[in-house]
Amino acid sequence: MKLKKGTIALCSLGCFGLITEDSPRPVVYKDGNSAIAYVGVHLTDKIAPVGSPWRSRTPVVVGDMEPLLVLMLENSKK
């Protein structure tokens, strides 16, 4: 699966994130190091609050939000 906006992924620390941009961009980490990474929001509170900024240079795709949202919408009409 291609990394894109709406993809659920895991970062190297094992945190789930929802990617919010289609392409990686420059980021600066807390330790001052900079890199090109995919960015989004945390979906779990393992190391940061849910909804806080999430980033990963090498995210591992877990799934895509679009099919889930379609399913939720269909179920809400029943």
Protein backbone atom coordinates (compact mmCIF):
# COMPACT_ATOMS: atom_id res chain seq x y z
CA MET A 1 0.00 0.00 0.00
CA LYS A 2 1.25 3.46 -0.90
CA LEU A 3 1.97 6.00 1.82
CA LYS A 4 -0.50 8.85 1.44
CA LYS A 5 -2.80 11.13 3.38
CA GLY A 6 -5.22 8.96 5.38
CA THR A 7 -2.82 6.02 5.80
CA ILE A 8 -2.46 4.49 9.26
CA ALA A 9 1.18 3.63 9.95
CA LEU A 10 3.62 2.63 12.68
CA CYS A 11 6.75 4.64 13.40
CA SER A 12 10.05 3.09 14.52
CA LEU A 13 8.97 3.52 18.18
CA GLY A 14 5.86 1.41 17.59
CA CYS A 15 3.37 4.28 17.72
CA PHE A 16 0.35 4.39 15.45
CA GLY A 17 -0.12 7.56 13.45
CA LEU A 18 -2.51 8.86 10.84
CA ILE A 19 -0.55 10.40 7.96
CA THR A 20 -1.95 13.84 7.10
CA GLU A 21 0.13 14.76 4.03
CA ASP A 22 0.74 12.87 0.79
CA SER A 23 4.50 13.51 0.71
CA PRO A 24 7.26 13.53 3.32
CA ARG A 25 8.53 16.92 4.43
CA PRO A 26 11.38 18.39 6.50
CA VAL A 27 10.94 17.95 10.25
CA VAL A 28 13.03 18.78 13.32
CA TYR A 29 13.07 16.30 16.21
CA LYS A 30 13.23 17.22 19.92
CA ASP A 31 16.96 16.37 19.97
CA GLY A 32 17.58 18.97 17.24
CA ASN A 33 18.18 16.48 14.43
CA SER A 34 16.36 17.15 11.19
CA ALA A 35 15.15 14.74 8.53
CA ILE A 36 12.63 14.22 5.77
CA ALA A 37 9.64 12.36 7.24
CA TYR A 38 5.97 11.62 6.83
CA VAL A 39 3.88 13.62 9.28
CA GLY A 40 0.51 13.18 10.92
CA VAL A 41 -1.16 12.77 14.30
CA HIS A 42 -0.76 10.19 17.06
CA LEU A 43 -3.59 7.65 17.26
CA THR A 44 -2.44 6.15 20.58
CA ASP A 45 -0.97 7.65 23.73
CA LYS A 46 2.07 5.35 24.00
CA ILE A 47 4.61 8.22 24.04
CA ALA A 48 2.54 11.33 23.26
CA PRO A 49 -1.09 12.39 23.61
CA VAL A 50 -3.59 11.26 20.97
CA GLY A 51 -3.84 13.96 18.31
CA SER A 52 -0.37 15.35 18.94
CA PRO A 53 2.13 15.60 16.05
CA TRP A 54 3.47 12.26 14.79
CA ARG A 55 6.34 11.76 12.33
CA SER A 56 8.27 8.88 10.81
CA ARG A 57 11.11 8.61 8.30
CA THR A 58 10.29 4.95 7.61
CA PRO A 59 6.63 4.33 8.45
CA VAL A 60 5.20 0.84 8.14
CA VAL A 61 1.73 0.86 6.59
CA VAL A 62 -0.98 -0.73 8.72
CA GLY A 63 -4.07 0.31 6.78
CA ASP A 64 -6.07 3.04 5.10
CA MET A 65 -8.77 5.13 6.77
CA GLU A 66 -10.97 5.55 3.68
CA PRO A 67 -12.51 2.02 3.64
CA LEU A 68 -13.15 2.27 7.40
CA LEU A 69 -14.89 5.62 7.02
CA VAL A 70 -17.04 4.29 4.16
CA LEU A 71 -18.05 1.30 6.31
CA MET A 72 -18.89 3.59 9.25
CA LEU A 73 -21.00 5.80 6.99
CA GLU A 74 -22.88 2.79 5.58
CA ASN A 75 -23.55 1.43 9.07
CA SER A 76 -24.82 4.81 10.28
CA LYS A 77 -27.56 4.70 7.63
CA LYS A 78 -29.00 1.42 8.93
